[in-house]
C-alpha atoms as a PDB file:
ATOM      1  CA  MET A   1      92.247  49.443 106.718  1.00  0.00           C
ATOM      2  CA  LEU A   2      92.091  45.630 106.658  1.00  0.00           C
ATOM      3  CA  GLU A   3      92.857  43.319 103.758  1.00  0.00           C
ATOM      4  CA  TYR A   4      91.198  39.879 103.294  1.00  0.00           C
ATOM      5  CA  ARG A   5      94.065  37.846 101.780  1.00  0.00           C
ATOM      6  CA  SER A   6      92.771  34.309 102.268  1.00  0.00           C
ATOM      7  CA  PHE A   7      89.595  32.446 103.132  1.00  0.00           C
ATOM      8  CA  VAL A   8      88.792  31.865 106.803  1.00  0.00           C
ATOM      9  CA  TYR A   9      86.959  28.621 107.331  1.00  0.00           C
ATOM     10  CA  LEU A  10      84.503  27.749 110.196  1.00  0.00           C
ATOM     11  CA  SER A  11      87.004  25.427 111.924  1.00  0.00           C
ATOM     12  CA  ASP A  12      89.979  27.833 111.661  1.00  0.00           C
ATOM     13  CA  VAL A  13      91.724  29.063 114.839  1.00  0.00           C
ATOM     14  CA  LEU A  14      92.567  32.675 114.583  1.00  0.00           C
ATOM     15  CA  ARG A  15      94.968  34.805 116.652  1.00  0.00           C
ATOM     16  CA  PHE A  16      94.498  38.516 116.551  1.00  0.00           C
ATOM     17  CA  LYS A  17      97.698  40.618 117.055  1.00  0.00           C
ATOM     18  CA  GLY A  18      98.459  44.248 117.134  1.00  0.00           C
ATOM     19  CA  GLN A  19     101.614  46.339 117.491  1.00  0.00           C
ATOM     20  CA  VAL A  20     101.935  50.085 118.214  1.00  0.00           C
ATOM     21  CA  VAL A  21     104.246  51.605 115.616  1.00  0.00           C
ATOM     22  CA  ARG A  22     103.802  55.265 116.428  1.00  0.00           C
ATOM     23  CA  LYS A  23     102.546  57.499 119.346  1.00  0.00           C
ATOM     24  CA  TYR A  24     101.830  61.177 118.745  1.00  0.00           C
ATOM     25  CA  VAL A  25      99.571  64.173 119.346  1.00  0.00           C
ATOM     26  CA  ASP A  26      97.681  65.118 116.195  1.00  0.00           C
ATOM     27  CA  GLN A  27      96.839  68.666 114.857  1.00  0.00           C
ATOM     28  CA  ASP A  28      93.601  68.675 116.944  1.00  0.00           C
ATOM     29  CA  GLY A  29      95.477  67.926 120.191  1.00  0.00           C
ATOM     30  CA  GLU A  30      94.287  64.339 120.408  1.00  0.00           C
ATOM     31  CA  ASN A  31      96.574  61.508 121.654  1.00  0.00           C
ATOM     32  CA  CYS A  32      96.887  59.004 118.839  1.00  0.00           C
ATOM     33  CA  LEU A  33      98.316  55.567 118.160  1.00  0.00           C
ATOM     34  CA  ASP A  34      99.161  54.002 114.889  1.00  0.00           C
ATOM     35  CA  LEU A  35      98.782  50.232 114.889  1.00  0.00           C
ATOM     36  CA  GLU A  36      99.737  47.379 112.613  1.00  0.00           C
ATOM     37  CA  THR A  37      97.334  44.476 113.014  1.00  0.00           C
ATOM     38  CA  SER A  38      97.274  40.884 111.842  1.00  0.00           C
ATOM     39  CA  ILE A  39      94.961  37.960 112.018  1.00  0.00           C
ATOM     40  CA  VAL A  40      96.943  34.676 111.831  1.00  0.00           C
ATOM     41  CA  ASN A  41      95.406  31.256 111.305  1.00  0.00           C
ATOM     42  CA  GLN A  42      96.639  27.957 112.832  1.00  0.00           C
ATOM     43  CA  ARG A  43      98.878  27.412 109.753  1.00  0.00           C
ATOM     44  CA  GLY A  44     100.783  30.644 110.439  1.00  0.00           C
ATOM     45  CA  ASP A  45      99.206  32.504 107.480  1.00  0.00           C
ATOM     46  CA  ASN A  46      98.473  36.237 108.059  1.00  0.00           C
ATOM     47  CA  VAL A  47      94.987  36.100 106.509  1.00  0.00           C
ATOM     48  CA  MET A  48      93.984  39.681 107.341  1.00  0.00           C
ATOM     49  CA  PRO A  49      96.822  42.261 107.764  1.00  0.00           C
ATOM     50  CA  GLY A  50      95.815  45.802 108.573  1.00  0.00           C
ATOM     51  CA  LYS A  51      96.624  49.232 109.929  1.00  0.00           C
ATOM     52  CA  ALA A  52      94.599  51.417 112.280  1.00  0.00           C
ATOM     53  CA  THR A  53      94.793  54.763 114.036  1.00  0.00           C
ATOM     54  CA  VAL A  54      93.207  55.100 117.399  1.00  0.00           C
ATOM     55  CA  ALA A  55      92.464  58.386 119.373  1.00  0.00           C
ATOM     56  CA  LEU A  56      92.777  58.000 123.139  1.00  0.00           C
ATOM     57  CA  PRO A  57      91.356  59.983 126.059  1.00  0.00           C
ATOM     58  CA  SER A  58      93.738  62.515 127.681  1.00  0.00           C
ATOM     59  CA  LYS A  59      94.480  62.501 131.345  1.00  0.00           C
ATOM     60  CA  GLN A  60      95.484  66.194 131.133  1.00  0.00           C
ATOM     61  CA  THR A  61      92.246  67.544 129.563  1.00  0.00           C
ATOM     62  CA  GLY A  62      89.848  64.886 130.871  1.00  0.00           C
ATOM     63  CA  VAL A  63      87.936  64.879 127.592  1.00  0.00           C
ATOM     64  CA  SER A  64      87.780  61.828 125.414  1.00  0.00           C
ATOM     65  CA  PRO A  65      87.795  61.935 121.557  1.00  0.00           C
ATOM     66  CA  LEU A  66      84.321  60.453 121.560  1.00  0.00           C
ATOM     67  CA  ASP A  67      83.023  63.160 123.845  1.00  0.00           C
ATOM     68  CA  ARG A  68      84.620  65.870 121.777  1.00  0.00           C
ATOM     69  CA  ARG A  69      82.927  64.470 118.545  1.00  0.00           C
ATOM     70  CA  LEU A  70      79.558  64.088 120.336  1.00  0.00           C
ATOM     71  CA  LEU A  71      79.604  67.634 121.629  1.00  0.00           C
ATOM     72  CA  ALA A  72      80.461  69.016 118.173  1.00  0.00           C
ATOM     73  CA  HIS A  73      77.142  67.587 116.853  1.00  0.00           C
ATOM     74  CA  VAL A  74      74.917  69.120 119.538  1.00  0.00           C
END
């Protein structure tokens, strides 16, 4: 989820930031991260705050979340 809170102009300098707020294994056994994101302009305004959940590959199983989803549709 991302919110556009302010206009971003052609000459703006933007800094993309993210912070991990939670690490866990979900009900499907996938390793997940919850992130808080922000896009800050040169004036220090957070013009696009957001949140994201990312599923990561597992070293133990050797299967990535993408592979698991692709195999489910074959």
